[in-house]
């Protein structure tokens, strides 16, 4: 998971003077499920956001999935099938993120 290593190396200002690098805590939260992330389809993207968050996106079975850990600890998740979308924002929970990455669902 070399992308995590590149993200860890970022410093504030990486995307411009006001950009913030993701915190070690945020990176560690995504690193904890790296095996599940690695099993996602090839069309996946893990990227830092300019405000200090992390964004994971992937496509599977004609649906687009997004999981974003915002810098203040909120986990935003969405599913978009082109006709309809569903989204939720919750306080970060590792089990919820793992479930979403593995099954495409945030509910148990």
PDB file of N, CA and C in Angstrom:
ATOM      1  N   UNK A   1       0.849  -1.179   0.000  1.00  0.00           N
ATOM      2  CA  UNK A   1       0.000   0.000   0.000  1.00  0.00           C
ATOM      3  C   UNK A   1       0.891   1.238   0.000  1.00  0.00           C
ATOM      4  N   UNK A   2       1.591   1.424  -1.086  1.00  0.00           N
ATOM      5  CA  UNK A   2       2.556   2.515  -1.189  1.00  0.00           C
ATOM      6  C   UNK A   2       1.886   3.886  -1.162  1.00  0.00           C
ATOM      7  N   UNK A   3       0.616   3.956  -1.541  1.00  0.00           N
ATOM      8  CA  UNK A   3      -0.078   5.245  -1.501  1.00  0.00           C
ATOM      9  C   UNK A   3      -0.125   5.793  -0.079  1.00  0.00           C
ATOM     10  N   UNK A   4      -0.340   4.940   0.901  1.00  0.00           N
ATOM     11  CA  UNK A   4      -0.347   5.379   2.305  1.00  0.00           C
ATOM     12  C   UNK A   4       1.014   5.951   2.674  1.00  0.00           C
ATOM     13  N   UNK A   5       2.082   5.319   2.208  1.00  0.00           N
ATOM     14  CA  UNK A   5       3.426   5.811   2.518  1.00  0.00           C
ATOM     15  C   UNK A   5       3.648   7.196   1.911  1.00  0.00           C
ATOM     16  N   UNK A   6       3.153   7.403   0.702  1.00  0.00           N
ATOM     17  CA  UNK A   6       3.283   8.732   0.074  1.00  0.00           C
ATOM     18  C   UNK A   6       2.454   9.767   0.825  1.00  0.00           C
ATOM     19  N   UNK A   7       1.267   9.376   1.276  1.00  0.00           N
ATOM     20  CA  UNK A   7       0.420  10.308   2.020  1.00  0.00           C
ATOM     21  C   UNK A   7       1.063  10.654   3.356  1.00  0.00           C
ATOM     22  N   UNK A   8       1.655   9.663   4.019  1.00  0.00           N
ATOM     23  CA  UNK A   8       2.344   9.924   5.299  1.00  0.00           C
ATOM     24  C   UNK A   8       3.452  10.962   5.154  1.00  0.00           C
ATOM     25  N   UNK A   9       4.072  11.015   3.998  1.00  0.00           N
ATOM     26  CA  UNK A   9       5.200  11.922   3.776  1.00  0.00           C
ATOM     27  C   UNK A   9       4.767  13.366   3.512  1.00  0.00           C
ATOM     28  N   UNK A  10       3.474  13.599   3.323  1.00  0.00           N
ATOM     29  CA  UNK A  10       3.006  14.954   3.028  1.00  0.00           C
ATOM     30  C   UNK A  10       3.157  15.873   4.237  1.00  0.00           C
ATOM     31  N   UNK A  11       3.377  17.132   3.956  1.00  0.00           N
ATOM     32  CA  UNK A  11       3.427  18.166   4.998  1.00  0.00           C
ATOM     33  C   UNK A  11       2.388  19.231   4.666  1.00  0.00           C
ATOM     34  N   UNK A  12       1.989  19.981   5.659  1.00  0.00           N
ATOM     35  CA  UNK A  12       1.072  21.086   5.400  1.00  0.00           C
ATOM     36  C   UNK A  12       1.642  21.931   4.264  1.00  0.00           C
ATOM     37  N   UNK A  13       0.749  22.418   3.402  1.00  0.00           N
ATOM     38  CA  UNK A  13       1.166  23.197   2.243  1.00  0.00           C
ATOM     39  C   UNK A  13       1.406  22.357   1.005  1.00  0.00           C
ATOM     40  N   UNK A  14       1.159  21.043   1.074  1.00  0.00           N
ATOM     41  CA  UNK A  14       1.447  20.136  -0.036  1.00  0.00           C
ATOM     42  C   UNK A  14       0.639  20.460  -1.292  1.00  0.00           C
ATOM     43  N   UNK A  15      -0.527  21.077  -1.136  1.00  0.00           N
ATOM     44  CA  UNK A  15      -1.394  21.383  -2.280  1.00  0.00           C
ATOM     45  C   UNK A  15      -1.550  22.887  -2.474  1.00  0.00           C
ATOM     46  N   UNK A  16      -0.807  23.649  -1.750  1.00  0.00           N
ATOM     47  CA  UNK A  16      -0.902  25.106  -1.784  1.00  0.00           C
ATOM     48  C   UNK A  16      -0.747  25.632  -0.377  1.00  0.00           C
ATOM     49  N   UNK A  17      -0.614  26.931  -0.236  1.00  0.00           N
ATOM     50  CA  UNK A  17      -0.287  27.517   1.062  1.00  0.00           C
ATOM     51  C   UNK A  17      -1.249  27.180   2.195  1.00  0.00           C
ATOM     52  N   UNK A  18      -2.506  26.966   1.902  1.00  0.00           N
ATOM     53  CA  UNK A  18      -3.494  26.718   2.962  1.00  0.00           C
ATOM     54  C   UNK A  18      -3.863  25.251   3.121  1.00  0.00           C
ATOM     55  N   UNK A  19      -3.257  24.393   2.340  1.00  0.00           N
ATOM     56  CA  UNK A  19      -3.619  22.976   2.427  1.00  0.00           C
ATOM     57  C   UNK A  19      -3.012  22.354   3.679  1.00  0.00           C
ATOM     58  N   UNK A  20      -3.722  21.350   4.177  1.00  0.00           N
ATOM     59  CA  UNK A  20      -3.325  20.652   5.400  1.00  0.00           C
ATOM     60  C   UNK A  20      -3.102  19.183   5.065  1.00  0.00           C
ATOM     61  N   UNK A  21      -2.005  18.642   5.554  1.00  0.00           N
ATOM     62  CA  UNK A  21      -1.736  17.215   5.359  1.00  0.00           C
ATOM     63  C   UNK A  21      -2.628  16.396   6.288  1.00  0.00           C
ATOM     64  N   UNK A  22      -3.034  15.199   5.872  1.00  0.00           N
ATOM     65  CA  UNK A  22      -3.804  14.332   6.770  1.00  0.00           C
ATOM     66  C   UNK A  22      -3.019  14.041   8.045  1.00  0.00           C
ATOM     67  N   UNK A  23      -3.742  13.938   9.138  1.00  0.00           N
ATOM     68  CA  UNK A  23      -3.101  13.652  10.419  1.00  0.00           C
ATOM     69  C   UNK A  23      -2.626  12.200  10.471  1.00  0.00           C
ATOM     70  N   UNK A  24      -1.678  11.934  11.337  1.00  0.00           N
ATOM     71  CA  UNK A  24      -1.194  10.567  11.550  1.00  0.00           C
ATOM     72  C   UNK A  24      -2.352   9.666  11.980  1.00  0.00           C
ATOM     73  N   UNK A  25      -3.238  10.198  12.821  1.00  0.00           N
ATOM     74  CA  UNK A  25      -4.389   9.436  13.291  1.00  0.00           C
ATOM     75  C   UNK A  25      -5.288   9.024  12.125  1.00  0.00           C
ATOM     76  N   UNK A  26      -5.589   9.948  11.227  1.00  0.00           N
ATOM     77  CA  UNK A  26      -6.436   9.630  10.072  1.00  0.00           C
ATOM     78  C   UNK A  26      -5.782   8.581   9.187  1.00  0.00           C
ATOM     79  N   UNK A  27      -4.489   8.740   8.943  1.00  0.00           N
ATOM     80  CA  UNK A  27      -3.775   7.780   8.105  1.00  0.00           C
ATOM     81  C   UNK A  27      -3.765   6.404   8.762  1.00  0.00           C
ATOM     82  N   UNK A  28      -3.542   6.375  10.071  1.00  0.00           N
ATOM     83  CA  UNK A  28      -3.536   5.095  10.791  1.00  0.00           C
ATOM     84  C   UNK A  28      -4.890   4.396  10.707  1.00  0.00           C
ATOM     85  N   UNK A  29      -5.971   5.167  10.729  1.00  0.00           N
ATOM     86  CA  UNK A  29      -7.313   4.573  10.652  1.00  0.00           C
ATOM     87  C   UNK A  29      -7.522   3.861   9.312  1.00  0.00           C
ATOM     88  N   UNK A  30      -7.045   4.465   8.227  1.00  0.00           N
ATOM     89  CA  UNK A  30      -7.163   3.811   6.929  1.00  0.00           C
ATOM     90  C   UNK A  30      -6.151   2.676   6.800  1.00  0.00           C
ATOM     91  N   UNK A  31      -4.969   2.849   7.376  1.00  0.00           N
ATOM     92  CA  UNK A  31      -3.952   1.790   7.313  1.00  0.00           C
ATOM     93  C   UNK A  31      -4.435   0.517   7.994  1.00  0.00           C
ATOM     94  N   UNK A  32      -5.264   0.658   9.018  1.00  0.00           N
ATOM     95  CA  UNK A  32      -5.755  -0.496   9.769  1.00  0.00           C
ATOM     96  C   UNK A  32      -6.590  -1.438   8.905  1.00  0.00           C
ATOM     97  N   UNK A  33      -7.155  -0.924   7.813  1.00  0.00           N
ATOM     98  CA  UNK A  33      -7.950  -1.789   6.929  1.00  0.00           C
ATOM     99  C   UNK A  33      -7.294  -1.910   5.549  1.00  0.00           C
ATOM    100  N   UNK A  34      -5.975  -1.773   5.503  1.00  0.00           N
ATOM    101  CA  UNK A  34      -5.292  -1.802   4.208  1.00  0.00           C
ATOM    102  C   UNK A  34      -5.534  -3.086   3.437  1.00  0.00           C
ATOM    103  N   UNK A  35      -5.679  -4.214   4.117  1.00  0.00           N
ATOM    104  CA  UNK A  35      -5.923  -5.473   3.397  1.00  0.00           C
ATOM    105  C   UNK A  35      -7.252  -5.414   2.650  1.00  0.00           C
ATOM    106  N   UNK A  36      -8.270  -4.884   3.304  1.00  0.00           N
ATOM    107  CA  UNK A  36      -9.573  -4.768   2.666  1.00  0.00           C
ATOM    108  C   UNK A  36      -9.515  -3.782   1.495  1.00  0.00           C
ATOM    109  N   UNK A  37      -8.799  -2.678   1.689  1.00  0.00           N
ATOM    110  CA  UNK A  37      -8.662  -1.699   0.605  1.00  0.00           C
ATOM    111  C   UNK A  37      -7.936  -2.324  -0.576  1.00  0.00           C
ATOM    112  N   UNK A  38      -6.898  -3.104  -0.314  1.00  0.00           N
ATOM    113  CA  UNK A  38      -6.143  -3.741  -1.394  1.00  0.00           C
ATOM    114  C   UNK A  38      -6.986  -4.728  -2.188  1.00  0.00           C
ATOM    115  N   UNK A  39      -8.040  -5.284  -1.586  1.00  0.00           N
ATOM    116  CA  UNK A  39      -8.899  -6.245  -2.278  1.00  0.00           C
ATOM    117  C   UNK A  39      -9.971  -5.578  -3.147  1.00  0.00           C
ATOM    118  N   UNK A  40     -10.093  -4.261  -3.046  1.00  0.00           N
ATOM    119  CA  UNK A  40     -11.076  -3.563  -3.865  1.00  0.00           C
ATOM    120  C   UNK A  40     -10.700  -3.692  -5.334  1.00  0.00           C
ATOM    121  N   UNK A  41     -11.680  -3.479  -6.230  1.00  0.00           N
ATOM    122  CA  UNK A  41     -11.379  -3.537  -7.660  1.00  0.00           C
ATOM    123  C   UNK A  41     -10.247  -2.562  -8.015  1.00  0.00           C
ATOM    124  N   UNK A  42      -9.638  -2.797  -9.148  1.00  0.00           N
ATOM    125  CA  UNK A  42      -8.510  -1.969  -9.578  1.00  0.00           C
ATOM    126  C   UNK A  42      -8.870  -0.498  -9.692  1.00  0.00           C
ATOM    127  N   UNK A  43     -10.104  -0.185  -9.960  1.00  0.00           N
ATOM    128  CA  UNK A  43     -10.521   1.206 -10.120  1.00  0.00           C
ATOM    129  C   UNK A  43     -10.751   1.836  -8.755  1.00  0.00           C
ATOM    130  N   UNK A  44      -9.693   1.926  -7.972  1.00  0.00           N
ATOM    131  CA  UNK A  44      -9.812   2.530  -6.657  1.00  0.00           C
ATOM    132  C   UNK A  44      -8.841   3.686  -6.553  1.00  0.00           C
ATOM    133  N   UNK A  45      -9.170   4.600  -5.669  1.00  0.00           N
ATOM    134  CA  UNK A  45      -8.316   5.752  -5.465  1.00  0.00           C
ATOM    135  C   UNK A  45      -8.320   6.097  -3.986  1.00  0.00           C
ATOM    136  N   UNK A  46      -7.140   6.180  -3.402  1.00  0.00           N
ATOM    137  CA  UNK A  46      -6.985   6.665  -2.034  1.00  0.00           C
ATOM    138  C   UNK A  46      -6.155   7.922  -2.128  1.00  0.00           C
ATOM    139  N   UNK A  47      -6.716   9.025  -1.658  1.00  0.00           N
ATOM    140  CA  UNK A  47      -6.031  10.302  -1.829  1.00  0.00           C
ATOM    141  C   UNK A  47      -6.260  11.204  -0.622  1.00  0.00           C
ATOM    142  N   UNK A  48      -5.292  12.068  -0.357  1.00  0.00           N
ATOM    143  CA  UNK A  48      -5.498  13.066   0.687  1.00  0.00           C
ATOM    144  C   UNK A  48      -6.403  14.170   0.155  1.00  0.00           C
ATOM    145  N   UNK A  49      -7.072  14.850   1.054  1.00  0.00           N
ATOM    146  CA  UNK A  49      -7.827  16.044   0.662  1.00  0.00           C
ATOM    147  C   UNK A  49      -7.041  17.261   1.135  1.00  0.00           C
ATOM    148  N   UNK A  50      -7.285  18.388   0.535  1.00  0.00           N
ATOM    149  CA  UNK A  50      -6.549  19.599   0.872  1.00  0.00           C
ATOM    150  C   UNK A  50      -6.858  20.160   2.243  1.00  0.00           C
ATOM    151  N   UNK A  51      -7.901  19.610   2.887  1.00  0.00           N
ATOM    152  CA  UNK A  51      -8.288  20.109   4.215  1.00  0.00           C
ATOM    153  C   UNK A  51      -7.882  19.150   5.324  1.00  0.00           C
ATOM    154  N   UNK A  52      -7.042  18.150   5.001  1.00  0.00           N
ATOM    155  CA  UNK A  52      -6.525  17.251   6.027  1.00  0.00           C
ATOM    156  C   UNK A  52      -7.254  15.933   6.160  1.00  0.00           C
ATOM    157  N   UNK A  53      -8.112  15.615   5.231  1.00  0.00           N
ATOM    158  CA  UNK A  53      -8.837  14.354   5.283  1.00  0.00           C
ATOM    159  C   UNK A  53      -8.246  13.321   4.332  1.00  0.00           C
ATOM    160  N   UNK A  54      -8.914  12.182   4.271  1.00  0.00           N
ATOM    161  CA  UNK A  54      -8.549  11.113   3.338  1.00  0.00           C
ATOM    162  C   UNK A  54      -9.790  10.679   2.590  1.00  0.00           C
ATOM    163  N   UNK A  55      -9.629  10.434   1.301  1.00  0.00           N
ATOM    164  CA  UNK A  55     -10.739  10.080   0.440  1.00  0.00           C
ATOM    165  C   UNK A  55     -10.431   8.770  -0.268  1.00  0.00           C
ATOM    166  N   UNK A  56     -11.338   7.801  -0.121  1.00  0.00           N
ATOM    167  CA  UNK A  56     -11.239   6.512  -0.804  1.00  0.00           C
ATOM    168  C   UNK A  56     -12.431   6.396  -1.739  1.00  0.00           C
ATOM    169  N   UNK A  57     -12.164   6.126  -3.013  1.00  0.00           N
ATOM    170  CA  UNK A  57     -13.234   5.965  -4.004  1.00  0.00           C
ATOM    171  C   UNK A  57     -12.975   4.707  -4.815  1.00  0.00           C
ATOM    172  N   UNK A  58     -14.057   4.002  -5.161  1.00  0.00           N
ATOM    173  CA  UNK A  58     -13.932   2.834  -6.019  1.00  0.00           C
ATOM    174  C   UNK A  58     -15.248   2.596  -6.730  1.00  0.00           C
ATOM    175  N   UNK A  59     -15.171   1.813  -7.793  1.00  0.00           N
ATOM    176  CA  UNK A  59     -16.345   1.456  -8.603  1.00  0.00           C
ATOM    177  C   UNK A  59     -16.453  -0.062  -8.594  1.00  0.00           C
ATOM    178  N   UNK A  60     -17.672  -0.557  -8.404  1.00  0.00           N
ATOM    179  CA  UNK A  60     -17.914  -1.990  -8.410  1.00  0.00           C
ATOM    180  C   UNK A  60     -19.364  -2.218  -8.822  1.00  0.00           C
ATOM    181  N   UNK A  61     -19.581  -3.094  -9.765  1.00  0.00           N
ATOM    182  CA  UNK A  61     -20.936  -3.447 -10.210  1.00  0.00           C
ATOM    183  C   UNK A  61     -21.750  -2.209 -10.569  1.00  0.00           C
ATOM    184  N   UNK A  62     -21.144  -1.326 -11.340  1.00  0.00           N
ATOM    185  CA  UNK A  62     -21.805  -0.120 -11.836  1.00  0.00           C
ATOM    186  C   UNK A  62     -22.228   0.845 -10.732  1.00  0.00           C
ATOM    187  N   UNK A  63     -21.641   0.750  -9.570  1.00  0.00           N
ATOM    188  CA  UNK A  63     -21.889   1.684  -8.483  1.00  0.00           C
ATOM    189  C   UNK A  63     -20.579   2.362  -8.114  1.00  0.00           C
ATOM    190  N   UNK A  64     -20.694   3.622  -7.727  1.00  0.00           N
ATOM    191  CA  UNK A  64     -19.534   4.371  -7.262  1.00  0.00           C
ATOM    192  C   UNK A  64     -19.626   4.503  -5.745  1.00  0.00           C
ATOM    193  N   UNK A  65     -18.548   4.154  -5.074  1.00  0.00           N
ATOM    194  CA  UNK A  65     -18.496   4.201  -3.612  1.00  0.00           C
ATOM    195  C   UNK A  65     -17.480   5.248  -3.175  1.00  0.00           C
ATOM    196  N   UNK A  66     -17.817   5.970  -2.126  1.00  0.00           N
ATOM    197  CA  UNK A  66     -16.929   6.981  -1.558  1.00  0.00           C
ATOM    198  C   UNK A  66     -16.923   6.848  -0.047  1.00  0.00           C
ATOM    199  N   UNK A  67     -15.726   6.874   0.525  1.00  0.00           N
ATOM    200  CA  UNK A  67     -15.566   6.946   1.975  1.00  0.00           C
ATOM    201  C   UNK A  67     -14.547   8.048   2.240  1.00  0.00           C
ATOM    202  N   UNK A  68     -14.971   9.073   2.960  1.00  0.00           N
ATOM    203  CA  UNK A  68     -14.069  10.181   3.272  1.00  0.00           C
ATOM    204  C   UNK A  68     -14.007  10.378   4.777  1.00  0.00           C
ATOM    205  N   UNK A  69     -12.802  10.333   5.295  1.00  0.00           N
ATOM    206  CA  UNK A  69     -12.583  10.643   6.698  1.00  0.00           C
ATOM    207  C   UNK A  69     -12.211  12.110   6.762  1.00  0.00           C
ATOM    208  N   UNK A  70     -13.119  12.887   7.323  1.00  0.00           N
ATOM    209  CA  UNK A  70     -12.893  14.325   7.416  1.00  0.00           C
ATOM    210  C   UNK A  70     -11.982  14.624   8.607  1.00  0.00           C
ATOM    211  N   UNK A  71     -11.290  15.755   8.590  1.00  0.00           N
ATOM    212  CA  UNK A  71     -10.290  16.028   9.627  1.00  0.00           C
ATOM    213  C   UNK A  71     -10.843  16.099  11.046  1.00  0.00           C
ATOM    214  N   UNK A  72     -12.112  16.406  11.202  1.00  0.00           N
ATOM    215  CA  UNK A  72     -12.696  16.494  12.546  1.00  0.00           C
ATOM    216  C   UNK A  72     -13.300  15.162  13.002  1.00  0.00           C
ATOM    217  N   UNK A  73     -12.984  14.071  12.297  1.00  0.00           N
ATOM    218  CA  UNK A  73     -13.367  12.739  12.748  1.00  0.00           C
ATOM    219  C   UNK A  73     -14.677  12.207  12.221  1.00  0.00           C
ATOM    220  N   UNK A  74     -15.296  12.901  11.272  1.00  0.00           N
ATOM    221  CA  UNK A  74     -16.546  12.423  10.690  1.00  0.00           C
ATOM    222  C   UNK A  74     -16.223  11.547   9.479  1.00  0.00           C
ATOM    223  N   UNK A  75     -16.902  10.412   9.390  1.00  0.00           N
ATOM    224  CA  UNK A  75     -16.764   9.501   8.263  1.00  0.00           C
ATOM    225  C   UNK A  75     -17.970   9.694   7.353  1.00  0.00           C
ATOM    226  N   UNK A  76     -17.722  10.188   6.153  1.00  0.00           N
ATOM    227  CA  UNK A  76     -18.766  10.399   5.152  1.00  0.00           C
ATOM    228  C   UNK A  76     -18.675   9.248   4.164  1.00  0.00           C
ATOM    229  N   UNK A  77     -19.823   8.607   3.900  1.00  0.00           N
ATOM    230  CA  UNK A  77     -19.860   7.497   2.951  1.00  0.00           C
ATOM    231  C   UNK A  77     -21.009   7.701   1.983  1.00  0.00           C
ATOM    232  N   UNK A  78     -20.789   7.328   0.730  1.00  0.00           N
ATOM    233  CA  UNK A  78     -21.866   7.438  -0.251  1.00  0.00           C
ATOM    234  C   UNK A  78     -21.777   6.311  -1.269  1.00  0.00           C
ATOM    235  N   UNK A  79     -22.948   6.016  -1.842  1.00  0.00           N
ATOM    236  CA  UNK A  79     -23.086   5.029  -2.916  1.00  0.00           C
ATOM    237  C   UNK A  79     -23.915   5.701  -3.997  1.00  0.00           C
ATOM    238  N   UNK A  80     -23.425   5.655  -5.227  1.00  0.00           N
ATOM    239  CA  UNK A  80     -24.124   6.284  -6.348  1.00  0.00           C
ATOM    240  C   UNK A  80     -24.192   5.273  -7.482  1.00  0.00           C
ATOM    241  N   UNK A  81     -25.425   4.973  -7.936  1.00  0.00           N
ATOM    242  CA  UNK A  81     -25.569   4.017  -9.035  1.00  0.00           C
ATOM    243  C   UNK A  81     -25.903   4.698 -10.357  1.00  0.00           C
ATOM    244  N   UNK A  82     -25.759   6.013 -10.406  1.00  0.00           N
ATOM    245  CA  UNK A  82     -26.048   6.756 -11.629  1.00  0.00           C
ATOM    246  C   UNK A  82     -27.457   7.315 -11.660  1.00  0.00           C
ATOM    247  N   UNK A  83     -28.400   6.606 -11.071  1.00  0.00           N
ATOM    248  CA  UNK A  83     -29.785   7.072 -11.005  1.00  0.00           C
ATOM    249  C   UNK A  83     -30.125   7.626  -9.636  1.00  0.00           C
ATOM    250  N   UNK A  84     -29.511   7.079  -8.621  1.00  0.00           N
ATOM    251  CA  UNK A  84     -29.837   7.441  -7.247  1.00  0.00           C
ATOM    252  C   UNK A  84     -28.564   7.385  -6.417  1.00  0.00           C
ATOM    253  N   UNK A  85     -28.556   8.152  -5.349  1.00  0.00           N
ATOM    254  CA  UNK A  85     -27.408   8.074  -4.446  1.00  0.00           C
ATOM    255  C   UNK A  85     -27.901   8.028  -3.013  1.00  0.00           C
ATOM    256  N   UNK A  86     -27.095   7.443  -2.176  1.00  0.00           N
ATOM    257  CA  UNK A  86     -27.387   7.331  -0.750  1.00  0.00           C
ATOM    258  C   UNK A  86     -26.120   7.739  -0.027  1.00  0.00           C
ATOM    259  N   UNK A  87     -26.265   8.501   1.027  1.00  0.00           N
ATOM    260  CA  UNK A  87     -25.082   8.950   1.758  1.00  0.00           C
ATOM    261  C   UNK A  87     -25.384   9.061   3.239  1.00  0.00           C
ATOM    262  N   UNK A  88     -24.311   9.029   4.005  1.00  0.00           N
ATOM    263  CA  UNK A  88     -24.430   9.122   5.458  1.00  0.00           C
ATOM    264  C   UNK A  88     -23.141   9.714   6.007  1.00  0.00           C
ATOM    265  N   UNK A  89     -23.259  10.439   7.085  1.00  0.00           N
ATOM    266  CA  UNK A  89     -22.096  10.973   7.800  1.00  0.00           C
ATOM    267  C   UNK A  89     -22.241  10.562   9.262  1.00  0.00           C
ATOM    268  N   UNK A  90     -21.194   9.917   9.783  1.00  0.00           N
ATOM    269  CA  UNK A  90     -21.201   9.389  11.143  1.00  0.00           C
ATOM    270  C   UNK A  90     -19.872   9.693  11.819  1.00  0.00           C
ATOM    271  N   UNK A  91     -19.843   9.700  13.139  1.00  0.00           N
ATOM    272  CA  UNK A  91     -18.542   9.743  13.794  1.00  0.00           C
ATOM    273  C   UNK A  91     -17.742   8.514  13.351  1.00  0.00           C
ATOM    274  N   UNK A  92     -16.435   8.671  13.182  1.00  0.00           N
ATOM    275  CA  UNK A  92     -15.621   7.568  12.692  1.00  0.00           C
ATOM    276  C   UNK A  92     -15.783   6.333  13.568  1.00  0.00           C
ATOM    277  N   UNK A  93     -15.951   5.202  12.898  1.00  0.00           N
ATOM    278  CA  UNK A  93     -15.997   3.902  13.555  1.00  0.00           C
ATOM    279  C   UNK A  93     -15.286   2.924  12.622  1.00  0.00           C
ATOM    280  N   UNK A  94     -14.229   2.292  13.111  1.00  0.00           N
ATOM    281  CA  UNK A  94     -13.420   1.404  12.279  1.00  0.00           C
ATOM    282  C   UNK A  94     -14.236   0.247  11.709  1.00  0.00           C
ATOM    283  N   UNK A  95     -15.128  -0.321  12.503  1.00  0.00           N
ATOM    284  CA  UNK A  95     -15.931  -1.453  12.017  1.00  0.00           C
ATOM    285  C   UNK A  95     -16.867  -1.021  10.900  1.00  0.00           C
ATOM    286  N   UNK A  96     -17.425   0.172  11.007  1.00  0.00           N
ATOM    287  CA  UNK A  96     -18.317   0.674   9.960  1.00  0.00           C
ATOM    288  C   UNK A  96     -17.551   0.886   8.661  1.00  0.00           C
ATOM    289  N   UNK A  97     -16.366   1.494   8.751  1.00  0.00           N
ATOM    290  CA  UNK A  97     -15.557   1.698   7.551  1.00  0.00           C
ATOM    291  C   UNK A  97     -15.178   0.359   6.923  1.00  0.00           C
ATOM    292  N   UNK A  98     -14.754  -0.586   7.733  1.00  0.00           N
ATOM    293  CA  UNK A  98     -14.370  -1.903   7.210  1.00  0.00           C
ATOM    294  C   UNK A  98     -15.567  -2.577   6.537  1.00  0.00           C
ATOM    295  N   UNK A  99     -16.728  -2.533   7.177  1.00  0.00           N
ATOM    296  CA  UNK A  99     -17.937  -3.135   6.596  1.00  0.00           C
ATOM    297  C   UNK A  99     -18.257  -2.497   5.247  1.00  0.00           C
ATOM    298  N   UNK A 100     -18.152  -1.173   5.178  1.00  0.00           N
ATOM    299  CA  UNK A 100     -18.461  -0.461   3.941  1.00  0.00           C
ATOM    300  C   UNK A 100     -17.495  -0.858   2.827  1.00  0.00           C
ATOM    301  N   UNK A 101     -16.224  -0.960   3.156  1.00  0.00           N
ATOM    302  CA  UNK A 101     -15.220  -1.331   2.139  1.00  0.00           C
ATOM    303  C   UNK A 101     -15.418  -2.780   1.695  1.00  0.00           C
ATOM    304  N   UNK A 102     -15.738  -3.667   2.609  1.00  0.00           N
ATOM    305  CA  UNK A 102     -15.892  -5.093   2.281  1.00  0.00           C
ATOM    306  C   UNK A 102     -17.212  -5.375   1.572  1.00  0.00           C
ATOM    307  N   UNK A 103     -18.306  -4.780   2.061  1.00  0.00           N
ATOM    308  CA  UNK A 103     -19.636  -5.165   1.554  1.00  0.00           C
ATOM    309  C   UNK A 103     -20.385  -4.069   0.797  1.00  0.00           C
ATOM    310  N   UNK A 104     -19.890  -2.832   0.867  1.00  0.00           N
ATOM    311  CA  UNK A 104     -20.613  -1.733   0.237  1.00  0.00           C
ATOM    312  C   UNK A 104     -21.815  -1.284   1.051  1.00  0.00           C
ATOM    313  N   UNK A 105     -21.852  -1.672   2.320  1.00  0.00           N
ATOM    314  CA  UNK A 105     -22.957  -1.295   3.203  1.00  0.00           C
ATOM    315  C   UNK A 105     -22.378  -0.709   4.490  1.00  0.00           C
ATOM    316  N   UNK A 106     -23.079   0.267   5.055  1.00  0.00           N
ATOM    317  CA  UNK A 106     -22.619   0.816   6.342  1.00  0.00           C
ATOM    318  C   UNK A 106     -23.438   0.310   7.505  1.00  0.00           C
ATOM    319  N   UNK A 107     -24.597  -0.289   7.232  1.00  0.00           N
ATOM    320  CA  UNK A 107     -25.403  -0.839   8.327  1.00  0.00           C
ATOM    321  C   UNK A 107     -25.042  -2.307   8.554  1.00  0.00           C
ATOM    322  N   UNK A 108     -25.236  -2.736   9.773  1.00  0.00           N
ATOM    323  CA  UNK A 108     -24.862  -4.112  10.138  1.00  0.00           C
ATOM    324  C   UNK A 108     -25.839  -5.129   9.624  1.00  0.00           C
TER     325      UNK A 108
END
